[in-house]
Amino acid sequence: MSFLFEEMTREEIREVAPSATAVLPTAAIEQHGPHLPVCTDTVLCGTVAREGAARANEHVPVVVAPTLQFGNSHHHHPFPGVLSFRTTTFVKAVTDVLDGLVRSGFKRLVVLNGHGGNSNPNGLVGQDFVNRLGNPAAVATGDYWNIARDALTGVMPSKVIPGHAGRFEAAMMMAVRPDLVNREALGAMSGDVHDDAGLDVGLSGAVVQVHGEWQAGVGYTDNPAEATVEEGRAMLEIIIGKVSDFFVAFHRSGHLD
């Protein structure tokens, strides 16, 4: 039987849901510079979710829902190629999908995120879904790169993880979908980029949003030309392993048993 929600029958879902963990990947369709496709976040998050679940299923039952491709990406609108939900729309969409999973019988839910703009909204969804709306579920929300961050620092500097369309994502896409990486555009790039695109000004514990900062930048946060397929493969293996471990640990944590 498949562990992908969309490939299962209603009876298969009914049977497995009460004892399984359901994973909802959240991503984005947005510009990733001249060198990466607008589906980058969707490809990477979906791959990590599916491969992580495949390994986790050797130990506990995990079902992966279809990736929510549209995210909270309004800060990228200075560039073409962006299909974004409003924050309120995104929150409602994630909440509605989780509601559908609970109605299908799942009690353990993981929202695995692959786009930075979704991180805070996902946290709010998890909090509201359980505490305000009173759903009989345990909800975990997290970014796949943060689940694996400590283990990744031996492969790539932490300051560029995840970045946006920089070395981290370029290396990962080289490993997962090399056919979608524009090597000619990548080769023409240099290190002269607008670091962090105005989202982080070095204030410890604070993130600052400044109007006009994305327009002033190039749409990527560090030099993607430094990426290699070898570090992409190494990071992908680490991330899949850590995410798989997270799925298993969450499932076995005793919530709602």
Protein backbone atom coordinates (compact mmCIF):
# COMPACT_ATOMS: atom_id res chain seq x y z
CA MET A 1 0.00 0.00 0.00
CA SER A 2 1.25 3.48 -0.86
CA PHE A 3 2.03 5.95 1.94
CA LEU A 4 1.09 8.89 -0.30
CA PHE A 5 -2.35 10.19 0.67
CA GLU A 6 -3.40 10.95 -2.91
CA GLU A 7 -2.65 7.38 -4.04
CA MET A 8 -4.66 5.70 -1.29
CA THR A 9 -8.32 4.70 -1.35
CA ARG A 10 -10.73 6.00 1.25
CA GLU A 11 -10.82 2.57 2.90
CA GLU A 12 -7.03 2.41 3.12
CA ILE A 13 -7.01 5.86 4.72
CA ARG A 14 -9.78 4.88 7.14
CA GLU A 15 -7.81 1.82 8.23
CA VAL A 16 -4.40 3.42 8.72
CA ALA A 17 -5.28 6.95 9.94
CA PRO A 18 -5.90 6.30 13.67
CA SER A 19 -2.49 4.69 14.11
CA ALA A 20 -0.46 6.82 11.67
CA THR A 21 1.25 10.20 11.57
CA ALA A 22 0.14 12.46 8.71
CA VAL A 23 2.63 14.89 7.16
CA LEU A 24 1.62 18.05 5.29
CA PRO A 25 4.52 19.65 3.37
CA THR A 26 4.12 23.42 2.91
CA ALA A 27 6.13 25.21 0.25
CA ALA A 28 5.88 28.04 -2.29
CA ILE A 29 5.84 29.02 -5.94
CA GLU A 30 8.13 32.04 -6.14
CA GLN A 31 11.14 33.49 -7.92
CA HIS A 32 14.49 31.90 -7.21
CA GLY A 33 16.73 34.15 -9.26
CA PRO A 34 17.67 33.52 -12.90
CA HIS A 35 19.21 30.13 -12.08
CA LEU A 36 16.57 28.11 -10.19
CA PRO A 37 12.91 27.33 -11.01
CA VAL A 38 9.98 28.88 -9.19
CA CYS A 39 9.07 25.40 -7.90
CA THR A 40 12.33 25.06 -5.93
CA ASP A 41 10.73 25.09 -2.46
CA THR A 42 7.99 22.71 -3.59
CA VAL A 43 10.46 20.25 -5.12
CA LEU A 44 12.81 20.23 -2.14
CA CYS A 45 10.19 20.07 0.61
CA GLY A 46 8.18 17.41 -1.19
CA THR A 47 11.28 15.30 -1.77
CA VAL A 48 12.36 15.53 1.87
CA ALA A 49 8.85 14.70 3.11
CA ARG A 50 8.42 11.67 0.85
CA GLU A 51 11.92 10.26 1.31
CA GLY A 52 11.83 10.90 5.05
CA ALA A 53 8.47 9.16 5.33
CA ALA A 54 9.68 6.20 3.26
CA ARG A 55 12.44 5.59 5.80
CA ALA A 56 10.21 6.28 8.79
CA ASN A 57 7.70 3.73 7.53
CA GLU A 58 10.22 1.01 8.30
CA HIS A 59 9.45 1.75 11.96
CA VAL A 60 6.11 3.58 12.27
CA PRO A 61 3.20 4.33 9.90
CA VAL A 62 3.54 7.72 8.19
CA VAL A 63 1.28 9.12 5.45
CA VAL A 64 2.32 12.14 3.33
CA ALA A 65 -0.36 14.53 2.09
CA PRO A 66 0.07 16.42 -1.20
CA THR A 67 2.42 19.39 -0.89
CA LEU A 68 0.69 22.74 -0.42
CA GLN A 69 2.47 24.55 -3.24
CA PHE A 70 1.24 28.08 -2.61
CA GLY A 71 2.74 29.85 0.39
CA ASN A 72 3.20 33.25 1.99
CA SER A 73 5.49 34.94 -0.55
CA HIS A 74 4.41 38.56 -0.95
CA HIS A 75 7.92 39.85 -0.26
CA HIS A 76 8.97 38.36 -3.62
CA HIS A 77 6.43 40.30 -5.68
CA PRO A 78 9.07 42.82 -6.87
CA PHE A 79 10.05 39.97 -9.21
CA PRO A 80 7.93 37.94 -11.65
CA GLY A 81 7.10 34.29 -11.02
CA VAL A 82 5.35 34.62 -7.66
CA LEU A 83 2.00 33.01 -6.81
CA SER A 84 1.31 33.89 -3.18
CA PHE A 85 -1.44 33.45 -0.64
CA ARG A 86 -2.17 36.29 1.74
CA THR A 87 -1.02 35.37 5.24
CA THR A 88 -4.63 34.99 6.38
CA THR A 89 -5.46 32.85 3.35
CA PHE A 90 -2.43 30.64 3.94
CA VAL A 91 -3.36 30.14 7.59
CA LYS A 92 -6.91 29.19 6.61
CA ALA A 93 -5.68 26.82 3.91
CA VAL A 94 -3.32 24.94 6.23
CA THR A 95 -6.00 24.84 8.93
CA ASP A 96 -8.54 23.43 6.48
CA VAL A 97 -6.16 20.71 5.27
CA LEU A 98 -5.37 19.70 8.85
CA ASP A 99 -9.10 19.65 9.56
CA GLY A 100 -9.56 17.25 6.66
CA LEU A 101 -6.83 14.99 8.00
CA VAL A 102 -8.45 14.90 11.45
CA ARG A 103 -11.85 14.18 9.91
CA SER A 104 -10.19 11.31 8.05
CA GLY A 105 -9.06 9.86 11.37
CA PHE A 106 -5.50 11.13 11.85
CA LYS A 107 -4.54 12.36 15.33
CA ARG A 108 -0.80 12.96 14.87
CA LEU A 109 -0.03 15.74 12.40
CA VAL A 110 3.27 17.19 11.17
CA VAL A 111 3.45 20.36 9.09
CA LEU A 112 6.86 20.11 7.42
CA ASN A 113 7.80 23.46 5.95
CA GLY A 114 10.06 24.29 3.01
CA HIS A 115 9.64 28.09 2.68
CA GLY A 116 10.76 30.67 5.24
CA GLY A 117 7.70 32.89 4.78
CA ASN A 118 5.50 30.06 6.03
CA SER A 119 7.35 29.42 9.28
CA ASN A 120 5.54 31.82 11.60
CA PRO A 121 2.08 31.25 10.07
CA ASN A 122 2.53 27.48 10.45
CA GLY A 123 3.35 27.93 14.12
CA LEU A 124 0.20 29.97 14.61
CA VAL A 125 -1.85 27.29 12.86
CA GLY A 126 -0.52 24.58 15.15
CA GLN A 127 -1.23 26.65 18.25
CA ASP A 128 -4.74 27.61 17.19
CA PHE A 129 -5.65 24.20 15.80
CA VAL A 130 -5.10 22.47 19.11
CA ASN A 131 -5.65 25.16 21.74
CA ARG A 132 -8.27 27.54 20.33
CA LEU A 133 -10.20 25.25 18.01
CA GLY A 134 -9.86 22.30 20.36
CA ASN A 135 -9.11 19.64 17.76
CA PRO A 136 -8.26 16.20 19.22
CA ALA A 137 -4.80 16.10 17.70
CA ALA A 138 -1.11 16.61 18.34
CA VAL A 139 0.46 19.02 15.84
CA ALA A 140 4.17 19.55 15.18
CA THR A 141 5.38 22.32 12.86
CA GLY A 142 8.94 22.85 11.69
CA ASP A 143 11.27 23.78 8.84
CA TYR A 144 13.13 20.82 7.37
CA TRP A 145 16.47 22.67 7.43
CA ASN A 146 16.12 23.54 11.11
CA ILE A 147 15.35 19.93 12.01
CA ALA A 148 18.72 19.04 10.48
CA ARG A 149 20.65 22.29 11.04
CA ASP A 150 23.16 21.07 13.64
CA ALA A 151 24.19 18.16 11.42
CA LEU A 152 24.47 20.33 8.30
CA THR A 153 27.12 22.71 9.60
CA GLY A 154 29.86 20.24 8.73
CA VAL A 155 28.87 20.48 5.07
CA MET A 156 27.96 24.15 4.62
CA PRO A 157 28.26 27.34 6.73
CA SER A 158 25.18 27.81 8.91
CA LYS A 159 24.77 31.44 7.81
CA VAL A 160 23.73 30.37 4.28
CA ILE A 161 21.24 27.74 5.50
CA PRO A 162 18.64 28.01 4.11
CA GLY A 163 19.13 31.48 2.54
CA HIS A 164 17.07 32.11 -0.57
CA ALA A 165 18.14 30.79 -3.98
CA GLY A 166 21.71 30.82 -2.69
CA ARG A 167 24.35 28.16 -2.17
CA PHE A 168 22.14 25.88 -0.04
CA GLU A 169 19.15 25.68 -2.36
CA ALA A 170 21.29 25.59 -5.51
CA ALA A 171 23.27 22.63 -4.18
CA MET A 172 20.10 20.82 -3.12
CA MET A 173 18.48 21.34 -6.53
CA MET A 174 21.65 20.08 -8.25
CA ALA A 175 21.19 16.88 -6.26
CA VAL A 176 17.42 16.50 -6.69
CA ARG A 177 16.54 18.06 -10.08
CA PRO A 178 19.73 19.02 -11.92
CA ASP A 179 17.72 19.38 -15.12
CA LEU A 180 16.00 22.44 -13.63
CA VAL A 181 19.21 24.29 -12.71
CA ASN A 182 20.28 26.93 -15.24
CA ARG A 183 24.02 26.33 -15.28
CA GLU A 184 24.71 29.19 -17.69
CA ALA A 185 23.02 31.70 -15.39
CA LEU A 186 24.72 30.15 -12.38
CA GLY A 187 28.14 30.48 -13.95
CA ALA A 188 27.62 34.19 -14.59
CA MET A 189 26.97 34.99 -10.93
CA SER A 190 29.34 36.49 -8.41
CA GLY A 191 29.43 37.04 -4.68
CA ASP A 192 28.13 40.61 -5.03
CA VAL A 193 24.68 40.01 -3.55
CA HIS A 194 22.36 41.85 -1.19
CA ASP A 195 22.90 39.74 1.92
CA ASP A 196 19.69 38.48 3.54
CA ALA A 197 17.64 40.79 1.31
CA GLY A 198 16.88 43.13 4.20
CA LEU A 199 15.22 40.48 6.37
CA ASP A 200 17.96 40.31 8.99
CA VAL A 201 19.91 43.37 10.11
CA GLY A 202 21.97 41.70 12.80
CA LEU A 203 19.71 42.51 15.74
CA SER A 204 19.94 39.48 18.00
CA GLY A 205 16.58 37.79 18.34
CA ALA A 206 14.81 40.13 15.92
CA VAL A 207 13.78 40.01 12.28
CA VAL A 208 13.19 43.37 10.62
CA GLN A 209 10.99 43.88 7.56
CA VAL A 210 11.89 47.03 5.59
CA HIS A 211 9.76 48.34 2.73
CA GLY A 212 11.67 48.40 -0.54
CA GLU A 213 14.53 46.14 0.52
CA TRP A 214 13.67 43.29 -1.83
CA GLN A 215 13.45 45.70 -4.77
CA ALA A 216 16.96 46.86 -3.95
CA GLY A 217 18.36 43.32 -4.04
CA VAL A 218 18.87 40.67 -6.68
CA GLY A 219 16.41 38.11 -5.33
CA TYR A 220 18.93 35.72 -3.81
CA THR A 221 20.73 36.02 -0.50
CA ASP A 222 24.22 34.58 -1.04
CA ASN A 223 26.36 33.34 -3.92
CA PRO A 224 24.76 30.26 -5.53
CA ALA A 225 27.76 29.84 -7.85
CA GLU A 226 29.63 28.35 -4.88
CA ALA A 227 27.24 25.39 -4.74
CA THR A 228 28.35 21.88 -5.72
CA VAL A 229 26.32 18.77 -6.40
CA GLU A 230 28.50 16.87 -3.91
CA GLU A 231 27.50 19.08 -0.99
CA GLY A 232 23.90 18.97 -2.21
CA ARG A 233 23.87 15.18 -2.10
CA ALA A 234 25.54 15.16 1.31
CA MET A 235 23.03 17.62 2.75
CA LEU A 236 20.07 15.82 1.21
CA GLU A 237 21.13 12.56 2.84
CA ILE A 238 21.55 14.27 6.22
CA ILE A 239 18.23 16.10 5.98
CA ILE A 240 16.25 13.02 4.95
CA GLY A 241 17.79 11.06 7.80
CA LYS A 242 17.07 13.72 10.41
CA VAL A 243 13.53 14.32 9.17
CA SER A 244 12.86 10.58 9.21
CA ASP A 245 14.15 10.42 12.79
CA PHE A 246 11.87 13.34 13.67
CA PHE A 247 8.81 11.60 12.23
CA VAL A 248 9.58 8.45 14.22
CA ALA A 249 10.31 10.32 17.46
CA PHE A 250 7.14 12.40 17.17
CA HIS A 251 5.04 9.32 16.47
CA ARG A 252 6.52 7.48 19.46
CA SER A 253 6.35 10.44 21.83
CA GLY A 254 3.13 9.15 23.39
CA HIS A 255 0.87 12.02 22.35
CA LEU A 256 -2.77 10.93 22.28
CA ASP A 257 -1.99 7.26 22.99
